PDB file of N, CA and C in Angstrom:
ATOM      1  N   MET A   1       0.835  -1.168   0.000  1.00  0.00           N
ATOM      2  CA  MET A   1       0.000   0.000   0.000  1.00  0.00           C
ATOM      3  C   MET A   1       0.889   1.243   0.000  1.00  0.00           C
ATOM      4  N   ASN A   2       0.590   2.224  -0.833  1.00  0.00           N
ATOM      5  CA  ASN A   2       1.372   3.444  -0.985  1.00  0.00           C
ATOM      6  C   ASN A   2       0.738   4.562  -0.172  1.00  0.00           C
ATOM      7  N   HIS A   3       1.409   4.968   0.939  1.00  0.00           N
ATOM      8  CA  HIS A   3       0.841   5.985   1.827  1.00  0.00           C
ATOM      9  C   HIS A   3       1.198   7.400   1.399  1.00  0.00           C
ATOM     10  N   THR A   4       2.238   7.582   0.618  1.00  0.00           N
ATOM     11  CA  THR A   4       2.682   8.933   0.265  1.00  0.00           C
ATOM     12  C   THR A   4       2.152   9.405  -1.076  1.00  0.00           C
ATOM     13  N   GLY A   5       1.553   8.559  -1.832  1.00  0.00           N
ATOM     14  CA  GLY A   5       1.085   8.939  -3.155  1.00  0.00           C
ATOM     15  C   GLY A   5       2.212   8.933  -4.183  1.00  0.00           C
ATOM     16  N   GLN A   6       3.363   8.407  -3.810  1.00  0.00           N
ATOM     17  CA  GLN A   6       4.520   8.366  -4.694  1.00  0.00           C
ATOM     18  C   GLN A   6       4.789   6.915  -5.069  1.00  0.00           C
ATOM     19  N   SER A   7       4.987   6.665  -6.365  1.00  0.00           N
ATOM     20  CA  SER A   7       5.257   5.296  -6.801  1.00  0.00           C
ATOM     21  C   SER A   7       6.696   4.918  -6.476  1.00  0.00           C
ATOM     22  N   ARG A   8       6.944   3.634  -6.462  1.00  0.00           N
ATOM     23  CA  ARG A   8       8.293   3.133  -6.201  1.00  0.00           C
ATOM     24  C   ARG A   8       9.252   3.645  -7.281  1.00  0.00           C
ATOM     25  N   ARG A   9       8.790   3.657  -8.530  1.00  0.00           N
ATOM     26  CA  ARG A   9       9.629   4.109  -9.641  1.00  0.00           C
ATOM     27  C   ARG A   9      10.012   5.585  -9.475  1.00  0.00           C
ATOM     28  N   SER A  10       9.054   6.454  -9.153  1.00  0.00           N
ATOM     29  CA  SER A  10       9.384   7.874  -8.986  1.00  0.00           C
ATOM     30  C   SER A  10      10.276   8.085  -7.766  1.00  0.00           C
ATOM     31  N   PHE A  11      10.081   7.277  -6.715  1.00  0.00           N
ATOM     32  CA  PHE A  11      10.938   7.366  -5.536  1.00  0.00           C
ATOM     33  C   PHE A  11      12.380   7.011  -5.901  1.00  0.00           C
ATOM     34  N   LEU A  12      12.560   5.938  -6.686  1.00  0.00           N
ATOM     35  CA  LEU A  12      13.902   5.525  -7.091  1.00  0.00           C
ATOM     36  C   LEU A  12      14.558   6.568  -8.000  1.00  0.00           C
ATOM     37  N   LYS A  13      13.787   7.159  -8.912  1.00  0.00           N
ATOM     38  CA  LYS A  13      14.327   8.207  -9.780  1.00  0.00           C
ATOM     39  C   LYS A  13      14.784   9.404  -8.951  1.00  0.00           C
ATOM     40  N   SER A  14      13.961   9.814  -8.014  1.00  0.00           N
ATOM     41  CA  SER A  14      14.309  10.956  -7.155  1.00  0.00           C
ATOM     42  C   SER A  14      15.538  10.650  -6.317  1.00  0.00           C
ATOM     43  N   SER A  15      15.595   9.438  -5.778  1.00  0.00           N
ATOM     44  CA  SER A  15      16.738   9.044  -4.951  1.00  0.00           C
ATOM     45  C   SER A  15      18.020   9.030  -5.770  1.00  0.00           C
ATOM     46  N   LEU A  16      17.932   8.517  -6.990  1.00  0.00           N
ATOM     47  CA  LEU A  16      19.097   8.469  -7.865  1.00  0.00           C
ATOM     48  C   LEU A  16      19.560   9.882  -8.223  1.00  0.00           C
ATOM     49  N   ALA A  17      18.623  10.758  -8.521  1.00  0.00           N
ATOM     50  CA  ALA A  17      18.974  12.144  -8.847  1.00  0.00           C
ATOM     51  C   ALA A  17      19.631  12.830  -7.656  1.00  0.00           C
ATOM     52  N   MET A  18      19.101  12.616  -6.470  1.00  0.00           N
ATOM     53  CA  MET A  18      19.668  13.228  -5.266  1.00  0.00           C
ATOM     54  C   MET A  18      21.050  12.665  -4.960  1.00  0.00           C
ATOM     55  N   SER A  19      21.255  11.387  -5.210  1.00  0.00           N
ATOM     56  CA  SER A  19      22.566  10.794  -4.921  1.00  0.00           C
ATOM     57  C   SER A  19      23.642  11.388  -5.824  1.00  0.00           C
ATOM     58  N   GLY A  20      23.273  11.835  -7.009  1.00  0.00           N
ATOM     59  CA  GLY A  20      24.232  12.499  -7.890  1.00  0.00           C
ATOM     60  C   GLY A  20      24.444  13.950  -7.515  1.00  0.00           C
ATOM     61  N   THR A  21      23.456  14.566  -6.901  1.00  0.00           N
ATOM     62  CA  THR A  21      23.540  15.976  -6.525  1.00  0.00           C
ATOM     63  C   THR A  21      24.370  16.188  -5.271  1.00  0.00           C
ATOM     64  N   ILE A  22      24.279  15.287  -4.323  1.00  0.00           N
ATOM     65  CA  ILE A  22      24.973  15.457  -3.047  1.00  0.00           C
ATOM     66  C   ILE A  22      26.491  15.562  -3.231  1.00  0.00           C
ATOM     67  N   PRO A  23      27.144  14.677  -4.004  1.00  0.00           N
ATOM     68  CA  PRO A  23      28.591  14.854  -4.203  1.00  0.00           C
ATOM     69  C   PRO A  23      28.930  16.175  -4.900  1.00  0.00           C
ATOM     70  N   LEU A  24      28.075  16.618  -5.811  1.00  0.00           N
ATOM     71  CA  LEU A  24      28.303  17.883  -6.495  1.00  0.00           C
ATOM     72  C   LEU A  24      28.271  19.037  -5.501  1.00  0.00           C
ATOM     73  N   ILE A  25      27.269  19.061  -4.644  1.00  0.00           N
ATOM     74  CA  ILE A  25      27.156  20.109  -3.627  1.00  0.00           C
ATOM     75  C   ILE A  25      28.335  20.042  -2.670  1.00  0.00           C
ATOM     76  N   ALA A  26      28.714  18.845  -2.265  1.00  0.00           N
ATOM     77  CA  ALA A  26      29.851  18.684  -1.356  1.00  0.00           C
ATOM     78  C   ALA A  26      31.137  19.180  -2.013  1.00  0.00           C
ATOM     79  N   GLY A  27      31.312  18.893  -3.293  1.00  0.00           N
ATOM     80  CA  GLY A  27      32.499  19.356  -4.017  1.00  0.00           C
ATOM     81  C   GLY A  27      32.545  20.868  -4.118  1.00  0.00           C
ATOM     82  N   LEU A  28      31.400  21.500  -4.386  1.00  0.00           N
ATOM     83  CA  LEU A  28      31.341  22.958  -4.446  1.00  0.00           C
ATOM     84  C   LEU A  28      31.647  23.571  -3.089  1.00  0.00           C
ATOM     85  N   ALA A  29      31.102  22.990  -2.035  1.00  0.00           N
ATOM     86  CA  ALA A  29      31.356  23.499  -0.682  1.00  0.00           C
ATOM     87  C   ALA A  29      32.830  23.361  -0.331  1.00  0.00           C
ATOM     88  N   GLN A  30      33.444  22.249  -0.730  1.00  0.00           N
ATOM     89  CA  GLN A  30      34.861  22.030  -0.449  1.00  0.00           C
ATOM     90  C   GLN A  30      35.717  23.037  -1.218  1.00  0.00           C
ATOM     91  N   ALA A  31      35.382  23.300  -2.478  1.00  0.00           N
ATOM     92  CA  ALA A  31      36.131  24.277  -3.275  1.00  0.00           C
ATOM     93  C   ALA A  31      35.993  25.668  -2.676  1.00  0.00           C
ATOM     94  N   GLU A  32      34.792  26.005  -2.217  1.00  0.00           N
ATOM     95  CA  GLU A  32      34.567  27.311  -1.598  1.00  0.00           C
ATOM     96  C   GLU A  32      35.361  27.439  -0.306  1.00  0.00           C
ATOM     97  N   THR A  33      35.449  26.357   0.472  1.00  0.00           N
ATOM     98  CA  THR A  33      36.219  26.371   1.715  1.00  0.00           C
ATOM     99  C   THR A  33      37.698  26.586   1.419  1.00  0.00           C
ATOM    100  N   LYS A  34      38.224  25.946   0.370  1.00  0.00           N
ATOM    101  CA  LYS A  34      39.627  26.127  -0.007  1.00  0.00           C
ATOM    102  C   LYS A  34      39.889  27.574  -0.405  1.00  0.00           C
ATOM    103  N   GLN A  35      38.962  28.172  -1.164  1.00  0.00           N
ATOM    104  CA  GLN A  35      39.125  29.549  -1.612  1.00  0.00           C
ATOM    105  C   GLN A  35      38.970  30.543  -0.468  1.00  0.00           C
ATOM    106  N   ALA A  36      38.178  30.206   0.538  1.00  0.00           N
ATOM    107  CA  ALA A  36      37.914  31.131   1.639  1.00  0.00           C
ATOM    108  C   ALA A  36      39.189  31.492   2.382  1.00  0.00           C
ATOM    109  N   GLY A  37      40.169  30.604   2.412  1.00  0.00           N
ATOM    110  CA  GLY A  37      41.421  30.881   3.095  1.00  0.00           C
ATOM    111  C   GLY A  37      42.362  31.767   2.285  1.00  0.00           C
ATOM    112  N   LYS A  38      42.126  31.877   0.992  1.00  0.00           N
ATOM    113  CA  LYS A  38      42.987  32.673   0.126  1.00  0.00           C
ATOM    114  C   LYS A  38      42.397  34.074  -0.038  1.00  0.00           C
ATOM    115  N   PRO A  39      43.256  35.093  -0.110  1.00  0.00           N
ATOM    116  CA  PRO A  39      42.721  36.438  -0.323  1.00  0.00           C
ATOM    117  C   PRO A  39      42.152  36.575  -1.734  1.00  0.00           C
ATOM    118  N   LEU A  40      41.077  37.325  -1.848  1.00  0.00           N
ATOM    119  CA  LEU A  40      40.479  37.631  -3.141  1.00  0.00           C
ATOM    120  C   LEU A  40      40.973  39.016  -3.532  1.00  0.00           C
ATOM    121  N   MET A  41      41.652  39.100  -4.669  1.00  0.00           N
ATOM    122  CA  MET A  41      42.274  40.349  -5.076  1.00  0.00           C
ATOM    123  C   MET A  41      41.592  40.904  -6.325  1.00  0.00           C
ATOM    124  N   ALA A  42      41.597  42.237  -6.443  1.00  0.00           N
ATOM    125  CA  ALA A  42      41.076  42.921  -7.629  1.00  0.00           C
ATOM    126  C   ALA A  42      42.157  43.852  -8.156  1.00  0.00           C
ATOM    127  N   TYR A  43      42.343  43.847  -9.455  1.00  0.00           N
ATOM    128  CA  TYR A  43      43.317  44.714 -10.107  1.00  0.00           C
ATOM    129  C   TYR A  43      42.557  45.738 -10.933  1.00  0.00           C
ATOM    130  N   VAL A  44      42.930  47.013 -10.809  1.00  0.00           N
ATOM    131  CA  VAL A  44      42.235  48.087 -11.518  1.00  0.00           C
ATOM    132  C   VAL A  44      43.258  48.893 -12.307  1.00  0.00           C
ATOM    133  N   GLY A  45      43.135  48.871 -13.627  1.00  0.00           N
ATOM    134  CA  GLY A  45      44.009  49.668 -14.482  1.00  0.00           C
ATOM    135  C   GLY A  45      43.452  51.076 -14.599  1.00  0.00           C
ATOM    136  N   THR A  46      44.347  52.070 -14.571  1.00  0.00           N
ATOM    137  CA  THR A  46      43.913  53.471 -14.599  1.00  0.00           C
ATOM    138  C   THR A  46      44.726  54.253 -15.631  1.00  0.00           C
ATOM    139  N   PHE A  47      44.195  55.375 -16.051  1.00  0.00           N
ATOM    140  CA  PHE A  47      44.926  56.257 -16.955  1.00  0.00           C
ATOM    141  C   PHE A  47      45.987  56.988 -16.152  1.00  0.00           C
ATOM    142  N   SER A  48      47.244  56.703 -16.464  1.00  0.00           N
ATOM    143  CA  SER A  48      48.366  57.164 -15.652  1.00  0.00           C
ATOM    144  C   SER A  48      49.119  58.336 -16.256  1.00  0.00           C
ATOM    145  N   SER A  49      49.283  58.326 -17.559  1.00  0.00           N
ATOM    146  CA  SER A  49      50.085  59.381 -18.176  1.00  0.00           C
ATOM    147  C   SER A  49      49.164  60.467 -18.718  1.00  0.00           C
ATOM    148  N   PRO A  50      49.501  61.722 -18.458  1.00  0.00           N
ATOM    149  CA  PRO A  50      48.664  62.799 -19.000  1.00  0.00           C
ATOM    150  C   PRO A  50      48.679  62.762 -20.525  1.00  0.00           C
ATOM    151  N   LEU A  51      47.527  62.957 -21.117  1.00  0.00           N
ATOM    152  CA  LEU A  51      47.439  62.983 -22.574  1.00  0.00           C
ATOM    153  C   LEU A  51      47.950  64.323 -23.080  1.00  0.00           C
ATOM    154  N   GLN A  52      48.791  64.293 -24.099  1.00  0.00           N
ATOM    155  CA  GLN A  52      49.327  65.531 -24.674  1.00  0.00           C
ATOM    156  C   GLN A  52      48.268  66.248 -25.500  1.00  0.00           C
ATOM    157  N   ASP A  53      47.531  65.492 -26.292  1.00  0.00           N
ATOM    158  CA  ASP A  53      46.521  66.066 -27.180  1.00  0.00           C
ATOM    159  C   ASP A  53      45.182  65.439 -26.838  1.00  0.00           C
ATOM    160  N   VAL A  54      44.404  66.073 -25.977  1.00  0.00           N
ATOM    161  CA  VAL A  54      43.119  65.535 -25.542  1.00  0.00           C
ATOM    162  C   VAL A  54      42.071  65.837 -26.607  1.00  0.00           C
ATOM    163  N   LEU A  55      41.439  64.790 -27.097  1.00  0.00           N
ATOM    164  CA  LEU A  55      40.377  64.936 -28.093  1.00  0.00           C
ATOM    165  C   LEU A  55      39.074  65.323 -27.415  1.00  0.00           C
ATOM    166  N   ASP A  56      38.106  65.786 -28.187  1.00  0.00           N
ATOM    167  CA  ASP A  56      36.799  66.164 -27.636  1.00  0.00           C
ATOM    168  C   ASP A  56      36.097  64.991 -26.968  1.00  0.00           C
ATOM    169  N   THR A  57      36.399  63.777 -27.406  1.00  0.00           N
ATOM    170  CA  THR A  57      35.741  62.581 -26.863  1.00  0.00           C
ATOM    171  C   THR A  57      36.470  62.003 -25.660  1.00  0.00           C
ATOM    172  N   GLN A  58      37.591  62.598 -25.249  1.00  0.00           N
ATOM    173  CA  GLN A  58      38.384  62.071 -24.146  1.00  0.00           C
ATOM    174  C   GLN A  58      38.264  62.955 -22.909  1.00  0.00           C
ATOM    175  N   VAL A  59      38.415  62.321 -21.761  1.00  0.00           N
ATOM    176  CA  VAL A  59      38.442  63.045 -20.497  1.00  0.00           C
ATOM    177  C   VAL A  59      39.723  62.642 -19.780  1.00  0.00           C
ATOM    178  N   ASP A  60      40.492  63.594 -19.348  1.00  0.00           N
ATOM    179  CA  ASP A  60      41.723  63.321 -18.611  1.00  0.00           C
ATOM    180  C   ASP A  60      41.821  64.333 -17.466  1.00  0.00           C
ATOM    181  N   LEU A  61      40.863  64.263 -16.549  1.00  0.00           N
ATOM    182  CA  LEU A  61      40.803  65.209 -15.431  1.00  0.00           C
ATOM    183  C   LEU A  61      40.841  64.462 -14.119  1.00  0.00           C
ATOM    184  N   PRO A  62      41.711  64.788 -13.197  1.00  0.00           N
ATOM    185  CA  PRO A  62      42.928  65.565 -13.443  1.00  0.00           C
ATOM    186  C   PRO A  62      43.896  64.738 -14.274  1.00  0.00           C
ATOM    187  N   PRO A  63      44.732  65.393 -15.049  1.00  0.00           N
ATOM    188  CA  PRO A  63      45.600  64.681 -15.987  1.00  0.00           C
ATOM    189  C   PRO A  63      46.495  63.633 -15.329  1.00  0.00           C
ATOM    190  N   GLY A  64      46.446  62.420 -15.852  1.00  0.00           N
ATOM    191  CA  GLY A  64      47.342  61.354 -15.412  1.00  0.00           C
ATOM    192  C   GLY A  64      47.275  61.037 -13.936  1.00  0.00           C
ATOM    193  N   ASN A  65      46.098  61.077 -13.356  1.00  0.00           N
ATOM    194  CA  ASN A  65      45.949  60.898 -11.912  1.00  0.00           C
ATOM    195  C   ASN A  65      45.965  59.436 -11.477  1.00  0.00           C
ATOM    196  N   GLY A  66      45.834  58.500 -12.406  1.00  0.00           N
ATOM    197  CA  GLY A  66      45.659  57.096 -12.037  1.00  0.00           C
ATOM    198  C   GLY A  66      46.871  56.405 -11.446  1.00  0.00           C
ATOM    199  N   ARG A  67      48.057  56.725 -11.892  1.00  0.00           N
ATOM    200  CA  ARG A  67      49.325  56.218 -11.358  1.00  0.00           C
ATOM    201  C   ARG A  67      49.633  54.765 -11.692  1.00  0.00           C
ATOM    202  N   GLY A  68      48.814  54.036 -12.416  1.00  0.00           N
ATOM    203  CA  GLY A  68      49.167  52.658 -12.784  1.00  0.00           C
ATOM    204  C   GLY A  68      48.091  51.646 -12.469  1.00  0.00           C
ATOM    205  N   ILE A  69      48.516  50.452 -12.021  1.00  0.00           N
ATOM    206  CA  ILE A  69      47.589  49.374 -11.675  1.00  0.00           C
ATOM    207  C   ILE A  69      47.415  49.360 -10.159  1.00  0.00           C
ATOM    208  N   HIS A  70      46.182  49.538  -9.728  1.00  0.00           N
ATOM    209  CA  HIS A  70      45.868  49.542  -8.298  1.00  0.00           C
ATOM    210  C   HIS A  70      45.427  48.141  -7.889  1.00  0.00           C
ATOM    211  N   LEU A  71      45.874  47.706  -6.725  1.00  0.00           N
ATOM    212  CA  LEU A  71      45.554  46.389  -6.187  1.00  0.00           C
ATOM    213  C   LEU A  71      44.671  46.561  -4.955  1.00  0.00           C
ATOM    214  N   PHE A  72      43.580  45.801  -4.904  1.00  0.00           N
ATOM    215  CA  PHE A  72      42.659  45.839  -3.772  1.00  0.00           C
ATOM    216  C   PHE A  72      42.425  44.427  -3.258  1.00  0.00           C
ATOM    217  N   GLN A  73      42.291  44.286  -1.951  1.00  0.00           N
ATOM    218  CA  GLN A  73      41.869  43.021  -1.359  1.00  0.00           C
ATOM    219  C   GLN A  73      40.378  43.141  -1.077  1.00  0.00           C
ATOM    220  N   ILE A  74      39.624  42.097  -1.462  1.00  0.00           N
ATOM    221  CA  ILE A  74      38.170  42.121  -1.319  1.00  0.00           C
ATOM    222  C   ILE A  74      37.754  41.228  -0.167  1.00  0.00           C
ATOM    223  N   ASP A  75      36.923  41.756   0.716  1.00  0.00           N
ATOM    224  CA  ASP A  75      36.351  40.966   1.808  1.00  0.00           C
ATOM    225  C   ASP A  75      35.279  40.072   1.202  1.00  0.00           C
ATOM    226  N   ARG A  76      35.431  38.766   1.322  1.00  0.00           N
ATOM    227  CA  ARG A  76      34.501  37.814   0.699  1.00  0.00           C
ATOM    228  C   ARG A  76      33.093  37.895   1.275  1.00  0.00           C
ATOM    229  N   LYS A  77      32.946  38.345   2.497  1.00  0.00           N
ATOM    230  CA  LYS A  77      31.618  38.405   3.117  1.00  0.00           C
ATOM    231  C   LYS A  77      30.884  39.698   2.793  1.00  0.00           C
ATOM    232  N   THR A  78      31.602  40.828   2.820  1.00  0.00           N
ATOM    233  CA  THR A  78      30.939  42.123   2.653  1.00  0.00           C
ATOM    234  C   THR A  78      31.134  42.733   1.276  1.00  0.00           C
ATOM    235  N   GLY A  79      32.179  42.292   0.566  1.00  0.00           N
ATOM    236  CA  GLY A  79      32.491  42.886  -0.730  1.00  0.00           C
ATOM    237  C   GLY A  79      33.308  44.166  -0.617  1.00  0.00           C
ATOM    238  N   ALA A  80      33.663  44.561   0.608  1.00  0.00           N
ATOM    239  CA  ALA A  80      34.447  45.780   0.813  1.00  0.00           C
ATOM    240  C   ALA A  80      35.832  45.621   0.192  1.00  0.00           C
ATOM    241  N   MET A  81      36.301  46.680  -0.453  1.00  0.00           N
ATOM    242  CA  MET A  81      37.615  46.669  -1.089  1.00  0.00           C
ATOM    243  C   MET A  81      38.586  47.517  -0.269  1.00  0.00           C
ATOM    244  N   THR A  82      39.745  46.931   0.052  1.00  0.00           N
ATOM    245  CA  THR A  82      40.776  47.625   0.816  1.00  0.00           C
ATOM    246  C   THR A  82      42.004  47.800  -0.069  1.00  0.00           C
ATOM    247  N   PRO A  83      42.512  49.036  -0.233  1.00  0.00           N
ATOM    248  CA  PRO A  83      43.709  49.235  -1.048  1.00  0.00           C
ATOM    249  C   PRO A  83      44.871  48.393  -0.532  1.00  0.00           C
ATOM    250  N   ALA A  84      45.569  47.715  -1.459  1.00  0.00           N
ATOM    251  CA  ALA A  84      46.670  46.833  -1.073  1.00  0.00           C
ATOM    252  C   ALA A  84      47.960  47.165  -1.812  1.00  0.00           C
ATOM    253  N   GLY A  85      47.954  48.202  -2.639  1.00  0.00           N
ATOM    254  CA  GLY A  85      49.179  48.600  -3.315  1.00  0.00           C
ATOM    255  C   GLY A  85      48.928  49.148  -4.703  1.00  0.00           C
ATOM    256  N   ILE A  86      49.996  49.693  -5.281  1.00  0.00           N
ATOM    257  CA  ILE A  86      49.949  50.248  -6.638  1.00  0.00           C
ATOM    258  C   ILE A  86      51.207  49.811  -7.372  1.00  0.00           C
ATOM    259  N   GLN A  87      51.035  49.328  -8.590  1.00  0.00           N
ATOM    260  CA  GLN A  87      52.166  49.090  -9.483  1.00  0.00           C
ATOM    261  C   GLN A  87      52.233  50.319 -10.376  1.00  0.00           C
ATOM    262  N   ARG A  88      53.149  51.223 -10.068  1.00  0.00           N
ATOM    263  CA  ARG A  88      53.229  52.488 -10.806  1.00  0.00           C
ATOM    264  C   ARG A  88      53.715  52.238 -12.232  1.00  0.00           C
ATOM    265  N   MET A  89      53.055  52.910 -13.172  1.00  0.00           N
ATOM    266  CA  MET A  89      53.399  52.776 -14.583  1.00  0.00           C
ATOM    267  C   MET A  89      53.354  54.147 -15.231  1.00  0.00           C
ATOM    268  N   GLY A  90      54.258  54.386 -16.179  1.00  0.00           N
ATOM    269  CA  GLY A  90      54.286  55.656 -16.885  1.00  0.00           C
ATOM    270  C   GLY A  90      53.240  55.751 -17.976  1.00  0.00           C
ATOM    271  N   THR A  91      52.761  54.604 -18.454  1.00  0.00           N
ATOM    272  CA  THR A  91      51.705  54.603 -19.464  1.00  0.00           C
ATOM    273  C   THR A  91      50.438  54.050 -18.839  1.00  0.00           C
ATOM    274  N   SER A  92      49.335  54.286 -19.473  1.00  0.00           N
ATOM    275  CA  SER A  92      48.029  53.949 -18.912  1.00  0.00           C
ATOM    276  C   SER A  92      47.631  52.505 -19.180  1.00  0.00           C
ATOM    277  N   PRO A  93      47.567  51.652 -18.141  1.00  0.00           N
ATOM    278  CA  PRO A  93      47.121  50.263 -18.320  1.00  0.00           C
ATOM    279  C   PRO A  93      45.601  50.224 -18.472  1.00  0.00           C
ATOM    280  N   SER A  94      45.133  50.226 -19.726  1.00  0.00           N
ATOM    281  CA  SER A  94      43.697  50.369 -19.974  1.00  0.00           C
ATOM    282  C   SER A  94      42.947  49.047 -20.038  1.00  0.00           C
ATOM    283  N   CYS A  95      43.651  47.925 -20.183  1.00  0.00           N
ATOM    284  CA  CYS A  95      42.986  46.623 -20.247  1.00  0.00           C
ATOM    285  C   CYS A  95      43.850  45.604 -19.515  1.00  0.00           C
ATOM    286  N   LEU A  96      43.242  44.857 -18.586  1.00  0.00           N
ATOM    287  CA  LEU A  96      43.968  43.869 -17.793  1.00  0.00           C
ATOM    288  C   LEU A  96      43.375  42.487 -18.011  1.00  0.00           C
ATOM    289  N   ALA A  97      44.223  41.463 -17.960  1.00  0.00           N
ATOM    290  CA  ALA A  97      43.767  40.074 -18.076  1.00  0.00           C
ATOM    291  C   ALA A  97      44.661  39.191 -17.217  1.00  0.00           C
ATOM    292  N   VAL A  98      44.074  38.172 -16.594  1.00  0.00           N
ATOM    293  CA  VAL A  98      44.807  37.211 -15.771  1.00  0.00           C
ATOM    294  C   VAL A  98      44.812  35.879 -16.513  1.00  0.00           C
ATOM    295  N   ASN A  99      45.946  35.170 -16.493  1.00  0.00           N
ATOM    296  CA  ASN A  99      45.993  33.871 -17.165  1.00  0.00           C
ATOM    297  C   ASN A  99      45.121  32.859 -16.417  1.00  0.00           C
ATOM    298  N   ALA A 100      44.861  31.723 -17.042  1.00  0.00           N
ATOM    299  CA  ALA A 100      43.939  30.720 -16.485  1.00  0.00           C
ATOM    300  C   ALA A 100      44.392  30.195 -15.129  1.00  0.00           C
ATOM    301  N   ALA A 101      45.696  30.102 -14.915  1.00  0.00           N
ATOM    302  CA  ALA A 101      46.214  29.593 -13.640  1.00  0.00           C
ATOM    303  C   ALA A 101      46.159  30.648 -12.541  1.00  0.00           C
ATOM    304  N   GLY A 102      45.914  31.897 -12.929  1.00  0.00           N
ATOM    305  CA  GLY A 102      45.860  32.973 -11.947  1.00  0.00           C
ATOM    306  C   GLY A 102      47.224  33.404 -11.447  1.00  0.00           C
ATOM    307  N   THR A 103      48.267  33.105 -12.221  1.00  0.00           N
ATOM    308  CA  THR A 103      49.629  33.415 -11.780  1.00  0.00           C
ATOM    309  C   THR A 103      50.251  34.602 -12.504  1.00  0.00           C
ATOM    310  N   ARG A 104      49.628  35.093 -13.563  1.00  0.00           N
ATOM    311  CA  ARG A 104      50.179  36.202 -14.341  1.00  0.00           C
ATOM    312  C   ARG A 104      49.087  37.225 -14.631  1.00  0.00           C
ATOM    313  N   LEU A 105      49.473  38.498 -14.556  1.00  0.00           N
ATOM    314  CA  LEU A 105      48.584  39.600 -14.916  1.00  0.00           C
ATOM    315  C   LEU A 105      49.169  40.270 -16.151  1.00  0.00           C
ATOM    316  N   TYR A 106      48.351  40.416 -17.190  1.00  0.00           N
ATOM    317  CA  TYR A 106      48.786  41.051 -18.428  1.00  0.00           C
ATOM    318  C   TYR A 106      48.097  42.400 -18.558  1.00  0.00           C
ATOM    319  N   SER A 107      48.819  43.361 -19.124  1.00  0.00           N
ATOM    320  CA  SER A 107      48.287  44.705 -19.278  1.00  0.00           C
ATOM    321  C   SER A 107      48.577  45.224 -20.676  1.00  0.00           C
ATOM    322  N   THR A 108      47.581  45.865 -21.286  1.00  0.00           N
ATOM    323  CA  THR A 108      47.845  46.646 -22.490  1.00  0.00           C
ATOM    324  C   THR A 108      47.856  48.094 -22.040  1.00  0.00           C
ATOM    325  N   ASN A 109      48.765  48.859 -22.589  1.00  0.00           N
ATOM    326  CA  ASN A 109      48.921  50.242 -22.159  1.00  0.00           C
ATOM    327  C   ASN A 109      48.511  51.185 -23.271  1.00  0.00           C
ATOM    328  N   GLU A 110      47.859  52.265 -22.892  1.00  0.00           N
ATOM    329  CA  GLU A 110      47.361  53.232 -23.852  1.00  0.00           C
ATOM    330  C   GLU A 110      48.162  54.521 -23.726  1.00  0.00           C
ATOM    331  N   THR A 111      48.602  55.029 -24.860  1.00  0.00           N
ATOM    332  CA  THR A 111      49.332  56.291 -24.868  1.00  0.00           C
ATOM    333  C   THR A 111      49.056  57.002 -26.182  1.00  0.00           C
ATOM    334  N   ASP A 112      49.240  58.308 -26.188  1.00  0.00           N
ATOM    335  CA  ASP A 112      49.040  59.039 -27.435  1.00  0.00           C
ATOM    336  C   ASP A 112      50.375  59.406 -28.085  1.00  0.00           C
ATOM    337  N   ARG A 113      51.476  59.024 -27.446  1.00  0.00           N
ATOM    338  CA  ARG A 113      52.799  59.333 -27.999  1.00  0.00           C
ATOM    339  C   ARG A 113      53.765  58.180 -27.763  1.00  0.00           C
ATOM    340  N   VAL A 114      54.695  58.010 -28.701  1.00  0.00           N
ATOM    341  CA  VAL A 114      55.822  57.102 -28.529  1.00  0.00           C
ATOM    342  C   VAL A 114      57.055  57.962 -28.761  1.00  0.00           C
ATOM    343  N   GLY A 115      57.853  58.152 -27.712  1.00  0.00           N
ATOM    344  CA  GLY A 115      58.971  59.090 -27.814  1.00  0.00           C
ATOM    345  C   GLY A 115      58.427  60.499 -27.965  1.00  0.00           C
ATOM    346  N   ASN A 116      58.908  61.219 -28.966  1.00  0.00           N
ATOM    347  CA  ASN A 116      58.431  62.588 -29.214  1.00  0.00           C
ATOM    348  C   ASN A 116      57.385  62.646 -30.312  1.00  0.00           C
ATOM    349  N   GLU A 117      57.058  61.494 -30.893  1.00  0.00           N
ATOM    350  CA  GLU A 117      56.128  61.473 -32.019  1.00  0.00           C
ATOM    351  C   GLU A 117      54.725  61.081 -31.579  1.00  0.00           C
ATOM    352  N   LYS A 118      53.748  61.670 -32.255  1.00  0.00           N
ATOM    353  CA  LYS A 118      52.346  61.354 -31.974  1.00  0.00           C
ATOM    354  C   LYS A 118      51.958  60.114 -32.773  1.00  0.00           C
ATOM    355  N   HIS A 119      51.615  59.028 -32.076  1.00  0.00           N
ATOM    356  CA  HIS A 119      51.226  57.781 -32.740  1.00  0.00           C
ATOM    357  C   HIS A 119      49.841  57.322 -32.322  1.00  0.00           C
ATOM    358  N   GLY A 120      49.223  57.915 -31.311  1.00  0.00           N
ATOM    359  CA  GLY A 120      47.960  57.446 -30.764  1.00  0.00           C
ATOM    360  C   GLY A 120      46.820  57.905 -31.506  1.00  0.00           C
TER     361      GLY A 120
END
């Protein structure tokens, strides 16, 4: 006699689905626990070098105020960002990328001059 209104077949399907979900959830929780001990960092590229010839479509106020790549530590619970340093650069790191292993930071730099010549 079926007291729950659920067939044996649907019970077995549900049980099988749950048995596959539990290891997945446990694995995600374990990965999150491993990451919780490591600092979460944010890198922010800024316009560092004053532009010599500012176009109508550009804003550089105050000129070259960014100073390079800024590093922040992020609180995983609150999302608060705490300044953790600056990698000073003479040119503006306008695009940043981290490699898949998380061991290298790449930067493309934006400038309107190379040497004394206008190339930007």
